[in-house]
Amino acid sequence: MSENGKIFFKSDNDNLYQFALEELLAVNANIIYHTNDLHNKCEYDFKNYLTDYEIKFNLAGKNINFIVFNFKK
């Protein structure tokens, strides 16, 4: 990953999202942005490539969790 690279994490699983946030904090990751509702409450500007599952769950009203992070030194 480049020095200014970012990792984009998306999940429909609320428990996995919460676990990921806790683990990222535990390893001192730089959490740039996070939301538990990517499609309705996201204020982070990026190109979102929708997965088949994301489309399916979004149409069913299920939230998609989202974290942007990196491991800056």
N, C-alpha and C. Protein backbone atom coordinates (compact mmCIF):
# COMPACT_ATOMS: atom_id res chain seq x y z
N MET A 1 0.85 -1.17 0.00
CA MET A 1 0.00 0.00 0.00
C MET A 1 0.90 1.24 0.00
N SER A 2 0.49 2.23 -0.75
CA SER A 2 1.25 3.47 -0.80
C SER A 2 1.20 4.18 0.56
N GLU A 3 2.09 5.11 0.75
CA GLU A 3 2.18 5.81 2.03
C GLU A 3 0.87 6.50 2.41
N ASN A 4 0.14 7.02 1.43
CA ASN A 4 -1.14 7.69 1.71
C ASN A 4 -2.33 6.80 1.37
N GLY A 5 -2.10 5.50 1.22
CA GLY A 5 -3.17 4.58 0.86
C GLY A 5 -4.22 4.45 1.95
N LYS A 6 -5.40 4.03 1.55
CA LYS A 6 -6.51 3.85 2.48
C LYS A 6 -7.16 2.50 2.22
N ILE A 7 -7.67 1.90 3.27
CA ILE A 7 -8.41 0.65 3.17
C ILE A 7 -9.88 0.98 3.41
N PHE A 8 -10.74 0.48 2.53
CA PHE A 8 -12.18 0.69 2.62
C PHE A 8 -12.82 -0.63 3.02
N PHE A 9 -13.47 -0.66 4.17
CA PHE A 9 -14.10 -1.85 4.72
C PHE A 9 -15.61 -1.64 4.71
N LYS A 10 -16.34 -2.58 4.09
CA LYS A 10 -17.81 -2.52 4.08
C LYS A 10 -18.33 -3.87 4.55
N SER A 11 -19.40 -3.83 5.36
CA SER A 11 -20.00 -5.07 5.84
C SER A 11 -21.46 -4.84 6.21
N ASP A 12 -22.27 -5.84 5.93
CA ASP A 12 -23.67 -5.80 6.38
C ASP A 12 -23.81 -6.35 7.79
N ASN A 13 -22.73 -6.91 8.33
CA ASN A 13 -22.76 -7.53 9.65
C ASN A 13 -22.40 -6.49 10.72
N ASP A 14 -23.39 -6.12 11.53
CA ASP A 14 -23.18 -5.09 12.55
C ASP A 14 -22.15 -5.51 13.60
N ASN A 15 -22.17 -6.77 14.00
CA ASN A 15 -21.21 -7.25 15.00
C ASN A 15 -19.78 -7.24 14.45
N LEU A 16 -19.61 -7.62 13.20
CA LEU A 16 -18.29 -7.58 12.58
C LEU A 16 -17.79 -6.14 12.48
N TYR A 17 -18.66 -5.22 12.14
CA TYR A 17 -18.31 -3.80 12.08
C TYR A 17 -17.81 -3.31 13.43
N GLN A 18 -18.54 -3.61 14.49
CA GLN A 18 -18.15 -3.18 15.83
C GLN A 18 -16.83 -3.82 16.23
N PHE A 19 -16.67 -5.10 15.95
CA PHE A 19 -15.43 -5.82 16.25
C PHE A 19 -14.26 -5.19 15.49
N ALA A 20 -14.46 -4.90 14.21
CA ALA A 20 -13.40 -4.30 13.40
C ALA A 20 -12.98 -2.95 13.97
N LEU A 21 -13.93 -2.12 14.37
CA LEU A 21 -13.59 -0.83 14.97
C LEU A 21 -12.75 -1.02 16.24
N GLU A 22 -13.17 -1.95 17.08
CA GLU A 22 -12.43 -2.20 18.33
C GLU A 22 -11.01 -2.69 18.04
N GLU A 23 -10.88 -3.61 17.10
CA GLU A 23 -9.55 -4.15 16.77
C GLU A 23 -8.66 -3.11 16.12
N LEU A 24 -9.23 -2.29 15.25
CA LEU A 24 -8.44 -1.23 14.62
C LEU A 24 -7.93 -0.23 15.65
N LEU A 25 -8.78 0.11 16.61
CA LEU A 25 -8.34 1.00 17.69
C LEU A 25 -7.25 0.34 18.53
N ALA A 26 -7.38 -0.95 18.76
CA ALA A 26 -6.41 -1.68 19.59
C ALA A 26 -5.02 -1.72 18.95
N VAL A 27 -4.96 -1.70 17.63
CA VAL A 27 -3.66 -1.72 16.94
C VAL A 27 -3.24 -0.32 16.47
N ASN A 28 -3.90 0.69 17.00
CA ASN A 28 -3.59 2.09 16.70
C ASN A 28 -3.69 2.44 15.22
N ALA A 29 -4.65 1.83 14.54
CA ALA A 29 -4.90 2.20 13.15
C ALA A 29 -5.47 3.61 13.11
N ASN A 30 -5.24 4.29 12.03
CA ASN A 30 -5.77 5.63 11.83
C ASN A 30 -7.15 5.49 11.19
N ILE A 31 -8.20 5.63 11.97
CA ILE A 31 -9.56 5.54 11.44
C ILE A 31 -9.92 6.91 10.87
N ILE A 32 -10.04 6.96 9.57
CA ILE A 32 -10.29 8.22 8.87
C ILE A 32 -11.77 8.57 8.90
N TYR A 33 -12.61 7.56 8.74
CA TYR A 33 -14.06 7.79 8.72
C TYR A 33 -14.76 6.46 9.00
N HIS A 34 -15.92 6.55 9.66
CA HIS A 34 -16.76 5.35 9.80
C HIS A 34 -18.21 5.75 9.99
N THR A 35 -19.09 4.87 9.53
CA THR A 35 -20.52 5.06 9.69
C THR A 35 -21.18 3.69 9.70
N ASN A 36 -22.30 3.58 10.39
CA ASN A 36 -23.05 2.33 10.38
C ASN A 36 -24.17 2.34 9.33
N ASP A 37 -24.19 3.36 8.47
CA ASP A 37 -25.21 3.43 7.43
C ASP A 37 -24.65 4.13 6.19
N LEU A 38 -23.90 3.38 5.41
CA LEU A 38 -23.21 3.92 4.25
C LEU A 38 -24.13 4.62 3.26
N HIS A 39 -25.30 4.07 3.03
CA HIS A 39 -26.16 4.60 1.98
C HIS A 39 -27.06 5.75 2.41
N ASN A 40 -27.18 5.98 3.70
CA ASN A 40 -28.08 7.05 4.17
C ASN A 40 -27.40 8.11 5.03
N LYS A 41 -26.24 7.81 5.61
CA LYS A 41 -25.62 8.75 6.54
C LYS A 41 -24.14 9.02 6.24
N CYS A 42 -23.68 8.66 5.07
CA CYS A 42 -22.25 8.80 4.77
C CYS A 42 -21.93 10.20 4.28
N GLU A 43 -20.92 10.81 4.91
CA GLU A 43 -20.45 12.14 4.52
C GLU A 43 -19.04 12.07 3.93
N TYR A 44 -18.57 10.86 3.67
CA TYR A 44 -17.23 10.67 3.11
C TYR A 44 -17.34 10.58 1.59
N ASP A 45 -16.59 11.41 0.90
CA ASP A 45 -16.67 11.47 -0.55
C ASP A 45 -15.74 10.43 -1.18
N PHE A 46 -16.32 9.43 -1.83
CA PHE A 46 -15.55 8.40 -2.51
C PHE A 46 -16.43 7.72 -3.55
N LYS A 47 -15.80 7.00 -4.47
CA LYS A 47 -16.54 6.26 -5.49
C LYS A 47 -16.88 4.89 -4.90
N ASN A 48 -18.16 4.65 -4.65
CA ASN A 48 -18.60 3.39 -4.07
C ASN A 48 -18.97 2.41 -5.18
N TYR A 49 -18.24 1.32 -5.26
CA TYR A 49 -18.55 0.25 -6.20
C TYR A 49 -19.44 -0.74 -5.47
N LEU A 50 -20.70 -0.81 -5.87
CA LEU A 50 -21.67 -1.66 -5.19
C LEU A 50 -21.44 -3.13 -5.51
N THR A 51 -21.43 -3.96 -4.47
CA THR A 51 -21.37 -5.41 -4.66
C THR A 51 -22.79 -5.94 -4.84
N ASP A 52 -22.90 -7.15 -5.35
CA ASP A 52 -24.22 -7.76 -5.50
C ASP A 52 -24.93 -7.87 -4.15
N TYR A 53 -24.18 -8.28 -3.11
CA TYR A 53 -24.78 -8.39 -1.78
C TYR A 53 -25.20 -7.02 -1.24
N GLU A 54 -24.39 -6.03 -1.49
CA GLU A 54 -24.70 -4.68 -1.02
C GLU A 54 -26.01 -4.19 -1.64
N ILE A 55 -26.17 -4.42 -2.92
CA ILE A 55 -27.41 -4.04 -3.60
C ILE A 55 -28.60 -4.80 -3.00
N LYS A 56 -28.43 -6.09 -2.83
CA LYS A 56 -29.50 -6.94 -2.27
C LYS A 56 -29.92 -6.47 -0.88
N PHE A 57 -28.94 -6.27 0.00
CA PHE A 57 -29.26 -5.86 1.37
C PHE A 57 -29.80 -4.44 1.42
N ASN A 58 -29.28 -3.56 0.58
CA ASN A 58 -29.77 -2.19 0.55
C ASN A 58 -31.24 -2.14 0.14
N LEU A 59 -31.59 -2.92 -0.87
CA LEU A 59 -32.99 -2.98 -1.32
C LEU A 59 -33.91 -3.55 -0.24
N ALA A 60 -33.35 -4.41 0.61
CA ALA A 60 -34.13 -5.00 1.71
C ALA A 60 -34.17 -4.10 2.94
N GLY A 61 -33.50 -2.93 2.86
CA GLY A 61 -33.51 -1.99 3.99
C GLY A 61 -32.44 -2.26 5.03
N LYS A 62 -31.50 -3.16 4.75
CA LYS A 62 -30.42 -3.48 5.70
C LYS A 62 -29.31 -2.45 5.56
N ASN A 63 -28.83 -1.95 6.68
CA ASN A 63 -27.73 -0.99 6.65
C ASN A 63 -26.43 -1.66 6.22
N ILE A 64 -25.56 -0.86 5.62
CA ILE A 64 -24.21 -1.29 5.27
C ILE A 64 -23.24 -0.45 6.09
N ASN A 65 -22.38 -1.11 6.85
CA ASN A 65 -21.39 -0.45 7.69
C ASN A 65 -20.16 -0.14 6.85
N PHE A 66 -19.43 0.91 7.23
CA PHE A 66 -18.33 1.38 6.40
C PHE A 66 -17.23 1.98 7.28
N ILE A 67 -15.99 1.58 7.01
CA ILE A 67 -14.84 2.13 7.72
C ILE A 67 -13.76 2.44 6.68
N VAL A 68 -13.14 3.62 6.80
CA VAL A 68 -11.97 3.97 6.02
C VAL A 68 -10.82 4.12 7.00
N PHE A 69 -9.71 3.42 6.74
CA PHE A 69 -8.60 3.49 7.68
C PHE A 69 -7.28 3.26 6.95
N ASN A 70 -6.19 3.54 7.67
CA ASN A 70 -4.85 3.20 7.21
C ASN A 70 -3.96 3.00 8.41
N PHE A 71 -2.71 2.71 8.15
CA PHE A 71 -1.74 2.47 9.21
C PHE A 71 -0.57 3.44 9.09
N LYS A 72 -0.89 4.73 9.04
CA LYS A 72 0.15 5.75 8.92
C LYS A 72 1.11 5.65 10.10
N LYS A 73 2.37 5.91 9.79
CA LYS A 73 3.41 5.86 10.82
C LYS A 73 3.46 7.14 11.60
